[in-house]
Amino acid sequence: MIIAPEEKSSRGPLIAFIDLLFLVVAFFTLVIFFLQHHQTLSQQQLKIVQEKLAAVTGEQVDVPQALETLQKVVDKYVATREAKREQEKAAAARRERKAQRETVRLEYTIGAGGRIHHEGKTYTLGTFLAQVVAPLRKDHWVAFRAYAAPQTPFGSVIEQRQVLLKDSNEFDTYWDNVTREEQPPAAAQPAK
């Protein structure tokens, strides 16, 4: 009879796993050691900086608090710069939109009681806005030219201008608080 040789068990994979486990533990131990060493060095450098600042200024300086204050200043500066960029971008967009439309000059006279005279008709501010200005705004940029007699209260001219310009941000506006010597204003004409 032939006797089969006894099987030997292999411990190679187990040894490889133990070696790998040991390497992983050793790696994390080294990482922790280096992080602690780096933190210790940072604290020492911070202490040295605080001592130098105290020597220069003559009083104790809290560097973390100073850095926090500096961070607030930097954040405020960045926010201001972003707001300015947004304003510039919006202004550029308005200029671009304005360049794409024809400008129309709209002349009118402010009469007694805040009545608006335009092309031989008299309007209240609301009807003038709805019947004359709104249709012009659809396809054109409107350049307003308002005339008023010197006795017309300056505040009413400004108030009407604010109502006409409300939420538009798109067109040139100018006005005169003088009496026009010529005929009533002509119809809306393309600006030159």
Protein backbone atom coordinates (compact mmCIF):
# COMPACT_ATOMS: atom_id res chain seq x y z
CA MET A 1 0.00 0.00 0.00
CA ILE A 2 0.97 3.49 -0.82
CA ILE A 3 0.69 5.99 1.91
CA ALA A 4 -0.20 9.49 0.87
CA PRO A 5 2.16 12.12 2.19
CA GLU A 6 0.82 14.31 4.91
CA GLU A 7 -0.47 17.68 3.68
CA LYS A 8 1.40 20.70 4.88
CA SER A 9 -0.64 23.81 5.56
CA SER A 10 0.64 27.02 4.09
CA ARG A 11 0.87 30.00 6.38
CA GLY A 12 2.13 32.36 3.67
CA PRO A 13 -1.11 34.35 3.22
CA LEU A 14 -1.53 34.76 6.97
CA ILE A 15 2.02 36.04 7.33
CA ALA A 16 1.50 38.44 4.40
CA PHE A 17 -1.70 39.75 6.02
CA ILE A 18 0.04 40.27 9.36
CA ASP A 19 2.91 42.08 7.61
CA LEU A 20 0.45 44.31 5.76
CA LEU A 21 -1.44 45.05 8.96
CA PHE A 22 1.82 45.94 10.70
CA LEU A 23 2.76 48.30 7.84
CA VAL A 24 -0.62 50.05 7.98
CA VAL A 25 -0.38 50.52 11.77
CA ALA A 26 3.21 51.77 11.41
CA PHE A 27 2.15 54.23 8.66
CA PHE A 28 -0.67 55.73 10.72
CA THR A 29 1.61 55.92 13.78
CA LEU A 30 4.14 57.90 11.73
CA VAL A 31 1.42 60.19 10.35
CA ILE A 32 0.19 60.93 13.88
CA PHE A 33 3.76 61.55 15.03
CA PHE A 34 4.46 63.99 12.18
CA LEU A 35 1.17 65.82 12.72
CA GLN A 36 1.91 66.27 16.41
CA HIS A 37 5.45 67.38 15.60
CA HIS A 38 4.13 69.91 13.06
CA GLN A 39 1.59 71.21 15.58
CA THR A 40 4.29 71.58 18.21
CA LEU A 41 6.49 73.51 15.77
CA SER A 42 3.56 75.76 14.81
CA GLN A 43 2.83 76.53 18.46
CA GLN A 44 6.50 77.34 19.08
CA GLN A 45 6.59 79.66 16.05
CA LEU A 46 3.37 81.35 17.21
CA LYS A 47 4.88 81.87 20.66
CA ILE A 48 8.03 83.39 19.11
CA VAL A 49 5.91 85.73 16.92
CA GLN A 50 3.87 86.82 19.95
CA GLU A 51 7.07 87.54 21.90
CA LYS A 52 8.50 89.59 19.01
CA LEU A 53 5.25 91.55 18.63
CA ALA A 54 5.17 92.17 22.38
CA ALA A 55 8.76 93.44 22.22
CA VAL A 56 7.99 95.77 19.29
CA THR A 57 4.61 97.11 20.48
CA GLY A 58 5.35 97.06 24.19
CA GLU A 59 2.15 95.17 24.98
CA GLN A 60 0.94 91.61 24.79
CA VAL A 61 -0.60 90.74 21.40
CA ASP A 62 -2.97 87.85 20.84
CA VAL A 63 -1.98 86.62 17.38
CA PRO A 64 -5.05 84.39 16.79
CA GLN A 65 -7.33 87.32 17.62
CA ALA A 66 -5.30 89.60 15.34
CA LEU A 67 -5.53 87.04 12.54
CA GLU A 68 -9.29 86.77 13.07
CA THR A 69 -9.63 90.56 12.82
CA LEU A 70 -7.46 90.58 9.72
CA GLN A 71 -9.64 87.84 8.19
CA LYS A 72 -12.75 89.99 8.76
CA VAL A 73 -11.08 92.93 7.01
CA VAL A 74 -10.06 90.74 4.08
CA ASP A 75 -13.58 89.28 3.82
CA LYS A 76 -15.09 92.77 3.78
CA TYR A 77 -12.64 93.87 1.07
CA VAL A 78 -13.44 90.82 -1.06
CA ALA A 79 -17.18 91.40 -0.66
CA THR A 80 -16.80 95.06 -1.65
CA ARG A 81 -14.71 94.12 -4.67
CA GLU A 82 -17.32 91.52 -5.73
CA ALA A 83 -20.12 94.08 -5.37
CA LYS A 84 -18.14 96.54 -7.51
CA ARG A 85 -17.57 93.86 -10.15
CA GLU A 86 -21.30 93.08 -10.21
CA GLN A 87 -22.11 96.78 -10.63
CA GLU A 88 -19.63 97.07 -13.48
CA LYS A 89 -21.06 93.94 -15.10
CA ALA A 90 -24.62 95.32 -14.80
CA ALA A 91 -23.52 98.67 -16.25
CA ALA A 92 -21.82 96.90 -19.17
CA ALA A 93 -24.99 94.87 -19.79
CA ARG A 94 -27.08 98.08 -19.78
CA ARG A 95 -24.70 99.73 -22.24
CA GLU A 96 -24.89 96.68 -24.48
CA ARG A 97 -28.69 96.61 -24.36
CA LYS A 98 -28.81 100.34 -25.01
CA ALA A 99 -26.57 99.98 -28.07
CA GLN A 100 -29.04 97.48 -29.53
CA ARG A 101 -32.00 99.89 -29.45
CA GLU A 102 -32.74 103.22 -31.09
CA THR A 103 -33.03 106.21 -28.76
CA VAL A 104 -36.17 108.33 -28.96
CA ARG A 105 -36.42 111.82 -27.46
CA LEU A 106 -39.70 112.39 -25.65
CA GLU A 107 -40.43 116.05 -24.99
CA TYR A 108 -43.26 117.20 -22.76
CA THR A 109 -44.29 120.19 -20.67
CA ILE A 110 -45.27 120.09 -17.02
CA GLY A 111 -48.22 122.38 -16.51
CA ALA A 112 -50.24 123.61 -13.56
CA GLY A 113 -51.30 120.97 -11.07
CA GLY A 114 -48.72 118.51 -12.36
CA ARG A 115 -50.57 117.99 -15.65
CA ILE A 116 -48.41 116.87 -18.58
CA HIS A 117 -48.87 118.43 -22.01
CA HIS A 118 -47.64 116.34 -24.94
CA GLU A 119 -48.59 116.62 -28.64
CA GLY A 120 -51.55 118.89 -27.91
CA LYS A 121 -53.05 116.57 -25.30
CA THR A 122 -53.10 116.86 -21.52
CA TYR A 123 -52.38 113.82 -19.36
CA THR A 124 -52.15 112.94 -15.73
CA LEU A 125 -48.87 111.33 -14.79
CA GLY A 126 -50.36 107.81 -14.72
CA THR A 127 -52.05 108.07 -18.09
CA PHE A 128 -48.94 109.65 -19.64
CA LEU A 129 -46.88 106.75 -18.36
CA ALA A 130 -49.37 104.16 -19.62
CA GLN A 131 -50.36 105.71 -22.98
CA VAL A 132 -47.15 107.39 -24.15
CA VAL A 133 -44.09 106.16 -22.28
CA ALA A 134 -44.88 102.43 -21.98
CA PRO A 135 -45.42 101.89 -25.75
CA LEU A 136 -42.21 103.77 -26.54
CA ARG A 137 -40.20 101.70 -24.05
CA LYS A 138 -41.10 98.46 -25.78
CA ASP A 139 -38.89 99.14 -28.79
CA HIS A 140 -36.80 102.21 -27.93
CA TRP A 141 -34.65 103.86 -25.31
CA VAL A 142 -36.40 106.98 -24.14
CA ALA A 143 -34.55 110.24 -23.51
CA PHE A 144 -36.90 112.51 -21.57
CA ARG A 145 -36.92 116.28 -21.92
CA ALA A 146 -39.31 118.00 -19.53
CA TYR A 147 -40.10 121.70 -19.65
CA ALA A 148 -41.75 123.60 -16.84
CA ALA A 149 -42.55 127.21 -16.09
CA PRO A 150 -40.34 128.79 -13.42
CA GLN A 151 -43.30 129.00 -11.03
CA THR A 152 -43.80 125.20 -11.20
CA PRO A 153 -42.64 123.72 -7.89
CA PHE A 154 -39.28 122.07 -8.35
CA GLY A 155 -40.37 119.18 -6.14
CA SER A 156 -43.21 118.19 -8.47
CA VAL A 157 -40.80 118.09 -11.43
CA ILE A 158 -38.50 115.78 -9.47
CA GLU A 159 -41.42 113.64 -8.27
CA GLN A 160 -42.71 113.14 -11.80
CA ARG A 161 -39.19 112.32 -13.02
CA GLN A 162 -38.86 109.66 -10.30
CA VAL A 163 -42.16 108.06 -11.27
CA LEU A 164 -41.20 107.98 -14.95
CA LEU A 165 -37.78 106.47 -14.16
CA LYS A 166 -38.94 103.96 -11.56
CA ASP A 167 -37.42 100.49 -12.13
CA SER A 168 -36.20 101.41 -15.62
CA ASN A 169 -32.43 101.93 -15.23
CA GLU A 170 -32.21 101.89 -19.00
CA PHE A 171 -32.48 105.33 -20.47
CA ASP A 172 -30.97 108.77 -20.38
CA THR A 173 -32.98 111.43 -18.64
CA TYR A 174 -32.52 115.15 -18.46
CA TRP A 175 -34.88 118.01 -17.76
CA ASP A 176 -35.01 121.79 -17.71
CA ASN A 177 -36.99 123.89 -15.29
CA VAL A 178 -37.37 126.69 -17.83
CA THR A 179 -40.16 127.98 -20.02
CA ARG A 180 -39.88 127.12 -23.68
CA GLU A 181 -40.37 130.16 -25.86
CA GLU A 182 -41.39 128.13 -28.92
CA GLN A 183 -44.42 125.98 -29.69
CA PRO A 184 -45.40 123.00 -27.49
CA PRO A 185 -43.03 120.05 -27.79
CA ALA A 186 -43.15 118.07 -31.01
CA ALA A 187 -43.91 114.36 -31.21
CA ALA A 188 -41.37 111.79 -30.13
CA GLN A 189 -38.52 111.93 -32.60
CA PRO A 190 -35.43 109.79 -33.05
CA ALA A 191 -32.45 111.36 -31.30
CA LYS A 192 -29.50 112.43 -33.38
